Amino acid sequence: ASLLSERLGAPESLTLLFNLLSYFFGGTFGVIEGVKSLLQREINVDLLMVLAAIGAAIVNQWHEGAILLFLFSLSNVLQNYAMDRSRNAIRALLKLRPDKATVRRSQSDIVVPIEALQLGDVVLIKPGERLPIDGQVIGGSSTVDQSAITGESMPVSKQVGDEVFAGTVNQNGSLEVRVTRLAHESTLARIIKMVESAQESRAKTQSFMDAFEQRYALVVILAVALYIVLPPLLLGVDFNENFYRAMVLITVASPCALVISTPAAILSAIANAARRGILFKGGAYLEQMATIKAVAFDKTGTLTTGKLSLTDVVPNGIERAELLRLVAAAEANSEHPIALAVLAAARAEGVPIQAPQAFEAVPGQGVRATLDSARLLVGTERLMSAEGLSVPPEILAQRDKLEAEGKSALIAYHEQRGWLGVIGVADTLRPNAAKFIQDLRAEGVQKVIILTGDNQRVAQAIAAQVGADEVRAELLPADKVAAVKALMQRYGKVAMVGDGVNDAPALASASIGIAMGAAGTDVALETADLVLMADDLSRVAYAMRLSRRARRVVFQNIAF
């Protein structure tokens, strides 16, 4: 406004008013921080920026001073905004854990706050409820969706003696769980602490820059003070002219003088990335992408879509469509992810879905159904054994073949027609995932590793398909953090790509955390330094190329 009023020939008093307002709004934060540093007998870059702006005003370069204050204040505002969003995302993790729990005490069931739970308490979990606490199953059986915590693509069968985690979802059976960890010690609570710890650790790496800025500010202020005093005393230089030069010097020596040479390249690169669905959370992360030597991937929802689909229908003496029809009928009333995959495939192929006369889901084993007055079973070998059936070797061989490929295999049996065959379902690989890994290698990435909470068999199958160098399976969040830190010790700069709550600590610990936008949880998106808004993995290699180009331009600007 001040520049415009000056160009339009407005009264000098109006231009001065606009200049003073610009200084007030742009410099308030710097003045406060600068005064704080003086009270602590320190000189920091905030004080230098304020003095530089004052110097610009003294030599009648108000606009340059206002620009310096604006850029410096804007950087502080954006940093605080990012920190607040990160804290909010961490707090949002607590929403995964219920506030209250139903606990059995003195032969009666009462509802208490989770903070009131004690070690050894028995908590009752109904179908569809989210678990409030870590514990051990002592009664009942069910399947539990614990993908948000462990990253496992399939719901996990839980029987007496199995461990369960706070924040996971009980699906189709009632459970009695003995509390083994207090609320503040649960796996979910530890994930939150690890994210916070990793972010604090990352902040400490900036201590060198903070120390440099403090020394730089002190040197500049002392040099300007000496320049004001010594030439007039020793050389007889005119004081007013020398003071003018000193004010020019402090303005040019302000940190923003160097920063101003780079923002065009950085901002252009960030805007370029955003147009292609790549969101960098700051210029520092854009620069770091050029130095990545190793990339670690979560599996479920990252290399894969995170959604089950029917991959194999292997009939035994009947038509393929008939096997799919019978399995779909058995699963028609189920809400299990495998059932949903089967039903979706049947609808896509135009196979009619007949509702069974009777239906029962057996947690962790499969389903029992009655179709046209005949018993129909779809499930594991354990389900067949419980029904008094011995699965033929040829059926078991087909099941083993599918499981060796990393798929979940289910056996189908009809009371009148015998062994119908085997079906396979799997979490499907993202399109062009293998080519994406090749693109990373072309960009200079030396190591590609998969870190997943899923089982070893499934993880190995995915690694073989995409061409990863190494795979580590059945990992908890803390294990992923340890793996990332080990990679950083060996390769230096490491990127972690993930999407779930269980990935958040590793994302925060890596040199660059990359989150999948549409599929990712809020905490993963907020913890990450780079977000792929379109879930397109090929954008990672593009981000590396863009980062290198931006760095070259920045170095050219600084040099010339």
Protein backbone atom coordinates (compact mmCIF):
# COMPACT_ATOMS: atom_id res chain seq x y z
CA ALA A 1 0.00 0.00 0.00
CA SER A 2 2.84 2.41 0.83
CA LEU A 3 4.56 1.70 -2.49
CA LEU A 4 1.30 2.21 -4.38
CA SER A 5 0.52 5.47 -2.57
CA GLU A 6 4.00 6.74 -3.36
CA ARG A 7 3.67 5.85 -7.04
CA LEU A 8 0.27 7.58 -7.22
CA GLY A 9 1.64 10.76 -5.68
CA ALA A 10 -0.32 10.54 -2.42
CA PRO A 11 0.62 12.87 0.46
CA GLU A 12 3.84 11.95 2.23
CA SER A 13 1.96 11.64 5.52
CA LEU A 14 -0.25 8.88 4.03
CA THR A 15 2.76 7.03 2.63
CA LEU A 16 4.51 7.31 6.00
CA LEU A 17 1.42 5.93 7.74
CA PHE A 18 1.37 2.89 5.45
CA ASN A 19 5.10 2.36 6.02
CA LEU A 20 4.68 2.50 9.79
CA LEU A 21 1.77 0.04 9.63
CA SER A 22 3.88 -2.34 7.52
CA TYR A 23 6.68 -2.16 10.06
CA PHE A 24 4.29 -2.63 12.97
CA PHE A 25 2.57 -5.74 11.63
CA GLY A 26 5.70 -7.22 10.08
CA GLY A 27 8.09 -6.44 12.91
CA THR A 28 6.11 -7.00 16.11
CA PHE A 29 7.15 -10.64 16.44
CA GLY A 30 10.79 -9.82 15.71
CA VAL A 31 10.83 -6.99 18.27
CA ILE A 32 9.36 -9.23 20.97
CA GLU A 33 11.85 -12.02 20.28
CA GLY A 34 14.72 -9.55 19.99
CA VAL A 35 13.90 -7.94 23.35
CA LYS A 36 13.67 -11.40 24.93
CA SER A 37 17.13 -12.23 23.63
CA LEU A 38 18.55 -8.98 25.03
CA LEU A 39 17.01 -9.67 28.43
CA GLN A 40 18.75 -13.04 28.32
CA ARG A 41 22.00 -11.29 27.31
CA GLU A 42 21.95 -12.86 23.88
CA ILE A 43 21.84 -11.49 20.35
CA ASN A 44 19.78 -13.45 17.86
CA VAL A 45 18.72 -13.15 14.26
CA ASP A 46 15.38 -11.57 15.24
CA LEU A 47 17.20 -8.56 16.66
CA LEU A 48 19.38 -8.34 13.56
CA MET A 49 16.30 -8.33 11.31
CA VAL A 50 14.68 -5.52 13.31
CA LEU A 51 17.87 -3.43 13.24
CA ALA A 52 18.21 -4.06 9.50
CA ALA A 53 14.65 -2.84 8.93
CA ILE A 54 15.29 0.25 11.06
CA GLY A 55 18.47 0.88 9.10
CA ALA A 56 16.52 0.64 5.84
CA ALA A 57 14.03 3.20 7.17
CA ILE A 58 16.83 5.57 8.23
CA VAL A 59 18.25 5.58 4.69
CA ASN A 60 14.69 6.07 3.37
CA GLN A 61 14.38 2.52 1.98
CA TRP A 62 11.14 1.72 3.76
CA HIS A 63 9.97 -0.79 1.18
CA GLU A 64 13.11 -2.94 1.47
CA GLY A 65 12.78 -2.96 5.25
CA ALA A 66 9.11 -3.93 5.04
CA ILE A 67 9.93 -6.80 2.67
CA LEU A 68 12.62 -8.09 5.07
CA LEU A 69 10.19 -8.04 7.99
CA PHE A 70 7.42 -9.65 5.94
CA LEU A 71 9.56 -12.56 4.75
CA PHE A 72 10.95 -13.19 8.22
CA SER A 73 7.54 -12.98 9.92
CA LEU A 74 5.95 -15.21 7.28
CA SER A 75 8.54 -17.94 7.86
CA ASN A 76 7.80 -17.90 11.61
CA VAL A 77 4.04 -17.99 11.05
CA LEU A 78 4.28 -20.96 8.68
CA GLN A 79 6.57 -22.83 11.07
CA ASN A 80 4.21 -22.31 14.00
CA TYR A 81 1.23 -23.30 11.86
CA ALA A 82 2.91 -26.54 10.81
CA MET A 83 3.82 -27.36 14.42
CA ASP A 84 0.25 -26.74 15.59
CA ARG A 85 -1.18 -28.99 12.87
CA SER A 86 1.28 -31.72 13.83
CA ARG A 87 0.29 -31.49 17.49
CA ASN A 88 -3.40 -31.60 16.58
CA ALA A 89 -2.85 -34.71 14.49
CA ILE A 90 -1.07 -36.43 17.35
CA ARG A 91 -3.95 -35.59 19.67
CA ALA A 92 -6.36 -36.94 17.06
CA LEU A 93 -4.75 -40.36 17.54
CA LEU A 94 -6.48 -40.55 20.89
CA LYS A 95 -9.80 -40.75 19.04
CA LEU A 96 -8.83 -44.29 18.07
CA ARG A 97 -9.14 -45.23 21.72
CA PRO A 98 -12.54 -45.19 23.49
CA ASP A 99 -12.84 -43.04 26.59
CA LYS A 100 -14.70 -45.72 28.55
CA ALA A 101 -14.67 -49.48 28.92
CA THR A 102 -17.06 -52.13 30.19
CA VAL A 103 -15.29 -53.99 32.99
CA ARG A 104 -16.40 -57.00 35.03
CA ARG A 105 -15.97 -56.49 38.77
CA SER A 106 -17.59 -58.42 41.61
CA GLN A 107 -19.71 -60.46 39.18
CA SER A 108 -21.24 -57.31 37.65
CA ASP A 109 -20.47 -55.33 34.52
CA ILE A 110 -19.84 -51.61 34.95
CA VAL A 111 -18.67 -48.83 32.65
CA VAL A 112 -15.57 -46.95 33.82
CA PRO A 113 -13.13 -44.44 32.30
CA ILE A 114 -10.16 -46.20 30.76
CA GLU A 115 -7.86 -44.35 33.17
CA ALA A 116 -9.58 -46.26 36.00
CA LEU A 117 -8.69 -49.66 34.54
CA GLN A 118 -6.20 -51.66 36.55
CA LEU A 119 -3.84 -54.46 35.61
CA GLY A 120 -5.76 -57.73 35.71
CA ASP A 121 -9.20 -56.18 35.11
CA VAL A 122 -11.43 -58.10 32.69
CA VAL A 123 -12.84 -55.88 29.93
CA LEU A 124 -15.80 -56.99 27.79
CA ILE A 125 -15.63 -56.21 24.07
CA LYS A 126 -18.74 -56.53 21.89
CA PRO A 127 -18.74 -57.03 18.09
CA GLY A 128 -18.00 -53.79 16.27
CA GLU A 129 -16.44 -52.08 19.28
CA ARG A 130 -12.99 -50.54 19.32
CA LEU A 131 -10.68 -51.99 21.97
CA PRO A 132 -9.93 -49.50 24.77
CA ILE A 133 -6.81 -51.16 26.16
CA ASP A 134 -3.96 -53.58 25.48
CA GLY A 135 -4.59 -57.01 26.92
CA GLN A 136 -4.85 -60.77 26.57
CA VAL A 137 -7.93 -62.67 25.44
CA ILE A 138 -9.23 -64.92 28.24
CA GLY A 139 -12.67 -65.67 26.81
CA GLY A 140 -14.44 -65.82 23.46
CA SER A 141 -13.08 -65.70 19.93
CA SER A 142 -13.31 -63.21 17.11
CA THR A 143 -11.44 -61.55 14.30
CA VAL A 144 -9.88 -58.15 14.94
CA ASP A 145 -9.00 -55.47 12.41
CA GLN A 146 -5.66 -54.21 13.68
CA SER A 147 -4.41 -52.72 10.40
CA ALA A 148 -4.20 -49.22 11.91
CA ILE A 149 -1.73 -50.42 14.55
CA THR A 150 0.21 -53.29 12.95
CA GLY A 151 -0.43 -52.74 9.23
CA GLU A 152 -1.73 -56.28 8.67
CA SER A 153 -3.90 -56.40 5.56
CA MET A 154 -6.25 -59.11 6.85
CA PRO A 155 -8.31 -59.18 10.05
CA VAL A 156 -6.56 -61.40 12.57
CA SER A 157 -8.20 -64.32 14.36
CA LYS A 158 -8.11 -63.93 18.14
CA GLN A 159 -8.50 -66.86 20.50
CA VAL A 160 -7.89 -67.36 24.21
CA GLY A 161 -4.29 -66.42 25.00
CA ASP A 162 -3.82 -64.01 22.08
CA GLU A 163 -2.69 -60.41 22.54
CA VAL A 164 -4.90 -57.49 21.46
CA PHE A 165 -4.17 -53.77 21.15
CA ALA A 166 -5.97 -50.55 22.04
CA GLY A 167 -7.41 -48.78 19.00
CA THR A 168 -8.11 -51.96 17.01
CA VAL A 169 -11.65 -53.00 16.00
CA ASN A 170 -13.36 -56.18 17.15
CA GLN A 171 -15.41 -57.61 14.30
CA ASN A 172 -17.77 -60.52 14.72
CA GLY A 173 -17.42 -62.11 18.13
CA SER A 174 -17.49 -61.11 21.79
CA LEU A 175 -14.22 -61.08 23.71
CA GLU A 176 -13.16 -61.02 27.34
CA VAL A 177 -9.80 -59.30 27.65
CA ARG A 178 -7.54 -59.14 30.70
CA VAL A 179 -5.75 -55.79 30.97
CA THR A 180 -1.97 -56.20 30.61
CA ARG A 181 -1.00 -52.52 30.16
CA LEU A 182 -2.44 -49.39 31.68
CA ALA A 183 -3.96 -46.76 29.38
CA HIS A 184 -0.86 -44.54 29.32
CA GLU A 185 1.35 -47.55 28.53
CA SER A 186 -0.71 -49.00 25.65
CA THR A 187 0.72 -49.57 22.19
CA LEU A 188 -1.32 -46.63 20.89
CA ALA A 189 -0.02 -44.33 23.64
CA ARG A 190 3.54 -45.41 22.87
CA ILE A 191 3.01 -44.63 19.17
CA ILE A 192 2.03 -41.09 20.13
CA LYS A 193 5.11 -40.74 22.34
CA MET A 194 7.39 -42.07 19.60
CA VAL A 195 6.04 -39.55 17.08
CA GLU A 196 6.56 -36.68 19.52
CA SER A 197 10.04 -37.92 20.41
CA ALA A 198 11.06 -38.27 16.77
CA GLN A 199 9.87 -34.75 15.98
CA GLU A 200 11.80 -33.33 18.94
CA SER A 201 14.89 -35.22 17.84
CA ARG A 202 14.56 -33.81 14.35
CA ALA A 203 14.30 -30.28 15.81
CA LYS A 204 17.64 -30.78 17.59
CA THR A 205 19.36 -31.18 14.23
CA GLN A 206 18.60 -27.50 13.70
CA SER A 207 20.75 -26.50 16.71
CA PHE A 208 23.76 -25.93 14.44
CA MET A 209 21.82 -23.41 12.36
CA ASP A 210 20.54 -21.69 15.49
CA ALA A 211 24.09 -21.35 16.85
CA PHE A 212 25.36 -20.09 13.49
CA GLU A 213 22.58 -17.48 13.25
CA GLN A 214 23.35 -16.21 16.76
CA ARG A 215 27.07 -15.81 15.99
CA TYR A 216 26.31 -14.30 12.59
CA ALA A 217 23.97 -11.70 14.12
CA LEU A 218 26.55 -10.78 16.76
CA VAL A 219 29.34 -10.37 14.18
CA VAL A 220 27.19 -8.22 11.87
CA ILE A 221 25.96 -5.92 14.66
CA LEU A 222 29.48 -5.45 16.06
CA ALA A 223 30.90 -4.85 12.59
CA VAL A 224 28.27 -2.22 11.80
CA ALA A 225 28.79 -0.52 15.18
CA LEU A 226 32.54 -0.35 14.57
CA TYR A 227 31.97 0.90 11.03
CA ILE A 228 29.82 3.74 12.37
CA VAL A 229 32.41 4.85 14.94
CA LEU A 230 35.92 4.10 13.63
CA PRO A 231 36.10 5.72 10.16
CA PRO A 232 34.98 9.17 11.43
CA LEU A 233 37.39 8.96 14.40
CA LEU A 234 40.42 7.52 12.64
CA LEU A 235 40.02 8.67 9.04
CA GLY A 236 37.98 11.84 9.42
CA VAL A 237 35.16 10.53 7.23
CA ASP A 238 31.91 12.52 7.35
CA PHE A 239 29.76 10.94 10.07
CA ASN A 240 26.41 11.34 8.28
CA GLU A 241 27.69 9.81 5.04
CA ASN A 242 29.40 6.99 6.93
CA PHE A 243 26.27 6.31 8.99
CA TYR A 244 24.25 6.06 5.77
CA ARG A 245 26.70 3.45 4.45
CA ALA A 246 26.50 1.53 7.73
CA MET A 247 22.71 1.35 7.45
CA VAL A 248 23.03 0.07 3.90
CA LEU A 249 25.53 -2.53 5.16
CA ILE A 250 23.27 -3.86 7.91
CA THR A 251 20.35 -4.07 5.47
CA VAL A 252 22.40 -6.02 2.92
CA ALA A 253 23.93 -8.23 5.64
CA SER A 254 20.54 -9.31 7.00
CA PRO A 255 19.87 -13.08 6.62
CA CYS A 256 17.02 -12.38 4.22
CA ALA A 257 19.48 -10.89 1.77
CA LEU A 258 20.72 -14.42 1.14
CA VAL A 259 17.29 -15.99 1.46
CA ILE A 260 15.83 -13.67 -1.16
CA SER A 261 18.19 -15.17 -3.76
CA THR A 262 16.58 -18.61 -3.45
CA PRO A 263 12.81 -18.38 -2.86
CA ALA A 264 11.90 -18.04 -6.53
CA ALA A 265 13.49 -21.40 -7.33
CA ILE A 266 12.12 -23.12 -4.23
CA LEU A 267 8.60 -21.72 -4.52
CA SER A 268 8.46 -22.51 -8.23
CA ALA A 269 9.50 -26.10 -7.55
CA ILE A 270 6.95 -26.48 -4.75
CA ALA A 271 4.21 -25.08 -7.00
CA ASN A 272 5.31 -27.40 -9.81
CA ALA A 273 5.10 -30.36 -7.44
CA ALA A 274 1.68 -29.32 -6.14
CA ARG A 275 0.28 -29.26 -9.68
CA ARG A 276 1.31 -32.90 -9.97
CA GLY A 277 -0.20 -34.02 -6.69
CA ILE A 278 2.98 -33.70 -4.59
CA LEU A 279 2.69 -31.56 -1.48
CA PHE A 280 5.99 -30.50 0.12
CA LYS A 281 5.60 -29.06 3.62
CA GLY A 282 8.58 -26.76 3.25
CA GLY A 283 11.56 -25.86 1.13
CA ALA A 284 13.94 -27.75 3.43
CA TYR A 285 12.21 -31.03 2.57
CA LEU A 286 12.36 -30.23 -1.13
CA GLU A 287 16.13 -29.83 -0.85
CA GLN A 288 16.55 -33.03 1.18
CA MET A 289 14.79 -35.16 -1.44
CA ALA A 290 17.84 -34.74 -3.67
CA THR A 291 20.05 -36.56 -1.15
CA ILE A 292 17.96 -39.70 -0.50
CA LYS A 293 19.96 -42.94 -0.81
CA ALA A 294 17.54 -45.49 0.67
CA VAL A 295 13.74 -45.80 0.64
CA ALA A 296 11.67 -47.87 3.09
CA PHE A 297 8.06 -48.77 2.28
CA ASP A 298 5.12 -49.88 4.29
CA LYS A 299 3.23 -52.59 2.40
CA THR A 300 -0.48 -52.37 3.14
CA GLY A 301 -2.04 -49.29 1.57
CA THR A 302 1.30 -48.12 0.18
CA LEU A 303 2.71 -50.66 -2.26
CA THR A 304 -0.71 -52.31 -2.24
CA THR A 305 -4.17 -50.76 -2.46
CA GLY A 306 -5.14 -51.93 1.03
CA LYS A 307 -8.28 -53.58 -0.38
CA LEU A 308 -8.83 -57.31 -0.80
CA SER A 309 -9.87 -58.70 -4.16
CA LEU A 310 -10.61 -62.19 -5.45
CA THR A 311 -7.52 -63.39 -7.31
CA ASP A 312 -8.10 -67.12 -7.84
CA VAL A 313 -11.08 -69.43 -8.33
CA VAL A 314 -9.83 -73.03 -8.61
CA PRO A 315 -12.73 -75.49 -9.14
CA ASN A 316 -12.55 -79.20 -8.36
CA GLY A 317 -14.70 -81.07 -10.88
CA ILE A 318 -17.21 -78.24 -11.43
CA GLU A 319 -17.36 -75.09 -13.54
CA ARG A 320 -15.54 -72.01 -12.32
CA ALA A 321 -18.72 -69.92 -12.36
CA GLU A 322 -20.52 -72.57 -10.31
CA LEU A 323 -17.79 -72.54 -7.64
CA LEU A 324 -17.98 -68.76 -7.47
CA ARG A 325 -21.79 -68.91 -7.22
CA LEU A 326 -21.74 -71.35 -4.32
CA VAL A 327 -19.00 -69.51 -2.41
CA ALA A 328 -20.84 -66.21 -2.92
CA ALA A 329 -24.04 -67.78 -1.58
CA ALA A 330 -22.23 -69.00 1.53
CA GLU A 331 -20.71 -65.53 2.10
CA ALA A 332 -23.85 -63.56 1.19
CA ASN A 333 -24.67 -62.58 4.78
CA SER A 334 -21.10 -61.99 5.93
CA GLU A 335 -19.44 -58.59 6.38
CA HIS A 336 -15.92 -60.01 6.52
CA PRO A 337 -13.48 -58.35 4.06
CA ILE A 338 -12.94 -61.69 2.31
CA ALA A 339 -16.70 -62.08 1.86
CA LEU A 340 -16.96 -58.57 0.46
CA ALA A 341 -14.20 -59.34 -2.05
CA VAL A 342 -15.98 -62.54 -3.16
CA LEU A 343 -19.34 -60.82 -3.50
CA ALA A 344 -17.82 -57.93 -5.46
CA ALA A 345 -16.21 -60.38 -7.89
CA ALA A 346 -19.47 -62.31 -8.30
CA ARG A 347 -21.39 -59.14 -9.11
CA ALA A 348 -18.69 -57.99 -11.53
CA GLU A 349 -18.91 -61.29 -13.40
CA GLY A 350 -22.71 -61.34 -13.42
CA VAL A 351 -22.93 -64.40 -11.17
CA PRO A 352 -26.30 -64.56 -9.36
CA ILE A 353 -26.03 -64.41 -5.56
CA GLN A 354 -28.48 -66.68 -3.76
CA ALA A 355 -29.20 -66.02 -0.09
CA PRO A 356 -28.67 -69.08 2.16
CA GLN A 357 -31.42 -70.48 4.38
CA ALA A 358 -29.05 -70.42 7.37
CA PHE A 359 -25.74 -68.71 8.05
CA GLU A 360 -23.11 -68.70 10.80
CA ALA A 361 -19.74 -66.97 10.85
CA VAL A 362 -17.02 -68.89 12.68
CA PRO A 363 -14.40 -66.33 13.82
CA GLY A 364 -10.98 -67.03 12.37
CA GLN A 365 -12.19 -70.11 10.48
CA GLY A 366 -14.84 -69.26 7.89
CA VAL A 367 -18.60 -69.65 7.46
CA ARG A 368 -21.25 -72.35 7.76
CA ALA A 369 -24.34 -72.00 5.59
CA THR A 370 -27.35 -73.99 4.47
CA LEU A 371 -28.20 -73.74 0.78
CA ASP A 372 -31.10 -75.69 -0.74
CA SER A 373 -31.28 -77.77 2.46
CA ALA A 374 -27.62 -78.81 2.14
CA ARG A 375 -24.69 -77.84 4.35
CA LEU A 376 -22.17 -75.52 2.68
CA LEU A 377 -18.77 -74.71 4.22
CA VAL A 378 -16.22 -72.11 3.13
CA GLY A 379 -13.13 -71.60 5.25
CA THR A 380 -9.91 -73.00 6.61
CA GLU A 381 -8.78 -76.57 7.14
CA ARG A 382 -9.50 -76.06 10.83
CA LEU A 383 -13.18 -75.39 10.05
CA MET A 384 -13.37 -78.59 8.02
CA SER A 385 -11.74 -80.58 10.83
CA ALA A 386 -14.22 -79.13 13.33
CA GLU A 387 -17.01 -80.44 11.07
CA GLY A 388 -15.46 -83.92 11.06
CA LEU A 389 -14.09 -83.65 7.52
CA SER A 390 -10.66 -84.62 6.22
CA VAL A 391 -9.49 -82.38 3.37
CA PRO A 392 -8.11 -84.35 0.36
CA PRO A 393 -4.40 -83.90 -0.46
CA GLU A 394 -5.09 -82.35 -3.88
CA ILE A 395 -7.22 -79.63 -2.28
CA LEU A 396 -4.56 -78.96 0.36
CA ALA A 397 -1.90 -78.77 -2.35
CA GLN A 398 -3.87 -76.11 -4.20
CA ARG A 399 -4.37 -74.19 -0.96
CA ASP A 400 -0.65 -74.37 -0.17
CA LYS A 401 0.19 -73.09 -3.66
CA LEU A 402 -1.98 -70.00 -3.21
CA GLU A 403 -0.65 -69.31 0.28
CA ALA A 404 2.93 -69.58 -1.00
CA GLU A 405 2.04 -66.73 -3.37
CA GLY A 406 1.06 -64.57 -0.40
CA LYS A 407 -2.68 -65.06 -0.80
CA SER A 408 -5.35 -66.11 1.68
CA ALA A 409 -6.89 -69.39 0.54
CA LEU A 410 -10.31 -70.77 1.52
CA ILE A 411 -11.62 -74.28 0.92
CA ALA A 412 -15.21 -74.86 -0.23
CA TYR A 413 -17.25 -77.98 0.63
CA HIS A 414 -20.85 -78.95 -0.23
CA GLU A 415 -22.65 -81.66 1.71
CA GLN A 416 -24.06 -83.29 -1.44
CA ARG A 417 -21.46 -82.35 -4.06
CA GLY A 418 -18.31 -82.86 -2.00
CA TRP A 419 -15.13 -80.78 -2.29
CA LEU A 420 -15.88 -77.86 -4.58
CA GLY A 421 -12.43 -76.28 -4.83
CA VAL A 422 -10.35 -73.42 -3.47
CA ILE A 423 -10.52 -69.64 -3.79
CA GLY A 424 -7.76 -67.10 -3.17
CA VAL A 425 -7.95 -63.46 -2.13
CA ALA A 426 -5.17 -60.92 -1.71
CA ASP A 427 -4.42 -57.29 -1.14
CA THR A 428 -3.77 -56.14 -4.71
CA LEU A 429 -0.53 -54.50 -5.75
CA ARG A 430 -0.71 -50.91 -6.95
CA PRO A 431 -0.42 -50.54 -10.74
CA ASN A 432 3.16 -50.18 -11.99
CA ALA A 433 4.62 -50.71 -8.51
CA ALA A 434 7.55 -52.68 -9.95
CA LYS A 435 8.31 -49.94 -12.51
CA PHE A 436 8.21 -47.39 -9.74
CA ILE A 437 10.97 -49.26 -7.87
CA GLN A 438 13.04 -49.29 -11.08
CA ASP A 439 12.55 -45.52 -11.43
CA LEU A 440 13.87 -45.02 -7.90
CA ARG A 441 17.02 -46.96 -8.73
CA ALA A 442 17.48 -44.82 -11.83
CA GLU A 443 17.40 -41.77 -9.55
CA GLY A 444 20.30 -43.12 -7.50
CA VAL A 445 18.48 -44.94 -4.69
CA GLN A 446 20.79 -47.69 -3.46
CA LYS A 447 18.44 -49.62 -1.15
CA VAL A 448 14.71 -50.41 -1.32
CA ILE A 449 13.25 -52.21 1.69
CA ILE A 450 9.72 -53.17 2.75
CA LEU A 451 8.81 -52.73 6.44
CA THR A 452 5.44 -54.25 7.31
CA GLY A 453 3.40 -55.60 10.17
CA ASP A 454 1.95 -58.25 7.87
CA ASN A 455 3.15 -61.85 7.95
CA GLN A 456 6.41 -62.95 6.36
CA ARG A 457 4.84 -65.06 3.61
CA VAL A 458 2.66 -62.25 2.26
CA ALA A 459 5.47 -59.71 2.57
CA GLN A 460 7.95 -61.91 0.69
CA ALA A 461 5.46 -62.40 -2.14
CA ILE A 462 4.98 -58.65 -2.54
CA ALA A 463 8.73 -58.01 -2.36
CA ALA A 464 9.33 -60.54 -5.12
CA GLN A 465 6.73 -58.88 -7.35
CA VAL A 466 8.08 -55.34 -6.98
CA GLY A 467 11.79 -56.20 -6.85
CA ALA A 468 12.62 -54.89 -3.37
CA ASP A 469 16.11 -55.58 -2.00
CA GLU A 470 14.92 -56.67 1.44
CA VAL A 471 11.74 -57.23 3.43
CA ARG A 472 11.14 -57.21 7.18
CA ALA A 473 7.77 -58.50 8.32
CA GLU A 474 5.66 -58.76 11.48
CA LEU A 475 7.00 -55.43 12.76
CA LEU A 476 5.41 -53.22 15.39
CA PRO A 477 5.79 -49.40 15.10
CA ALA A 478 8.87 -49.37 17.35
CA ASP A 479 10.50 -52.02 15.14
CA LYS A 480 9.95 -49.84 12.07
CA VAL A 481 11.60 -46.89 13.81
CA ALA A 482 14.61 -49.04 14.69
CA ALA A 483 14.85 -50.28 11.09
CA VAL A 484 14.72 -46.73 9.71
CA LYS A 485 17.43 -45.55 12.13
CA ALA A 486 19.64 -48.49 11.13
CA LEU A 487 19.21 -47.54 7.47
CA MET A 488 20.14 -43.94 8.26
CA GLN A 489 23.35 -45.06 9.96
CA ARG A 490 24.34 -47.01 6.86
CA TYR A 491 23.02 -44.90 3.97
CA GLY A 492 22.65 -41.40 5.43
CA LYS A 493 19.46 -39.86 4.05
CA VAL A 494 16.47 -42.24 4.14
CA ALA A 495 12.88 -41.75 2.98
CA MET A 496 10.00 -43.65 4.60
CA VAL A 497 6.76 -44.11 2.65
CA GLY A 498 3.64 -45.11 4.58
CA ASP A 499 -0.02 -44.41 5.19
CA GLY A 500 -1.18 -45.70 8.57
CA VAL A 501 -1.04 -44.85 12.26
CA ASN A 502 1.55 -47.58 12.67
CA ASP A 503 3.80 -45.79 10.16
CA ALA A 504 3.72 -42.39 11.89
CA PRO A 505 6.75 -42.91 14.21
CA ALA A 506 8.87 -44.18 11.30
CA LEU A 507 7.72 -41.28 9.09
CA ALA A 508 8.79 -38.83 11.80
CA SER A 509 12.14 -40.58 12.33
CA ALA A 510 13.17 -40.72 8.66
CA SER A 511 15.07 -37.97 6.86
CA ILE A 512 11.96 -37.52 4.73
CA GLY A 513 8.54 -38.94 5.64
CA ILE A 514 6.23 -39.52 2.66
CA ALA A 515 2.51 -40.21 3.19
CA MET A 516 -0.15 -41.48 0.81
CA GLY A 517 -2.79 -38.76 0.63
CA ALA A 518 -6.18 -40.31 -0.12
CA ALA A 519 -5.49 -43.55 1.73
CA GLY A 520 -3.49 -42.18 4.64
CA THR A 521 -4.63 -41.57 8.19
CA ASP A 522 -4.60 -38.01 9.53
CA VAL A 523 -1.62 -38.61 11.78
CA ALA A 524 0.46 -40.08 8.93
CA LEU A 525 -0.37 -37.12 6.70
CA GLU A 526 0.49 -34.58 9.39
CA THR A 527 3.68 -36.35 10.50
CA ALA A 528 5.00 -36.66 6.95
CA ASP A 529 7.15 -34.06 5.20
CA LEU A 530 5.77 -34.85 1.76
CA VAL A 531 2.25 -35.99 0.83
CA LEU A 532 1.26 -37.80 -2.37
CA MET A 533 -2.24 -36.43 -2.81
CA ALA A 534 -3.18 -38.81 -5.64
CA ASP A 535 -1.69 -42.01 -4.14
CA ASP A 536 0.60 -42.19 -7.19
CA LEU A 537 3.92 -43.75 -6.19
CA SER A 538 5.62 -42.65 -9.41
CA ARG A 539 5.48 -39.12 -8.01
CA VAL A 540 8.26 -39.98 -5.53
CA ALA A 541 10.84 -40.39 -8.31
CA TYR A 542 9.53 -37.21 -9.93
CA ALA A 543 9.95 -35.36 -6.62
CA MET A 544 13.59 -36.48 -6.50
CA ARG A 545 14.24 -35.18 -10.02
CA LEU A 546 12.49 -31.91 -9.23
CA SER A 547 14.51 -31.53 -6.04
CA ARG A 548 17.80 -31.91 -7.89
CA ARG A 549 16.79 -29.36 -10.52
CA ALA A 550 15.74 -26.88 -7.83
CA ARG A 551 19.04 -27.29 -5.97
CA ARG A 552 21.00 -26.61 -9.15
CA VAL A 553 19.05 -23.40 -9.73
CA VAL A 554 19.54 -22.32 -6.10
CA PHE A 555 23.31 -22.85 -6.31
CA GLN A 556 23.39 -20.88 -9.56
CA ASN A 557 21.50 -18.01 -7.94
CA ILE A 558 23.84 -17.92 -4.94
CA ALA A 559 26.97 -18.15 -7.10
CA PHE A 560 25.97 -15.53 -9.65
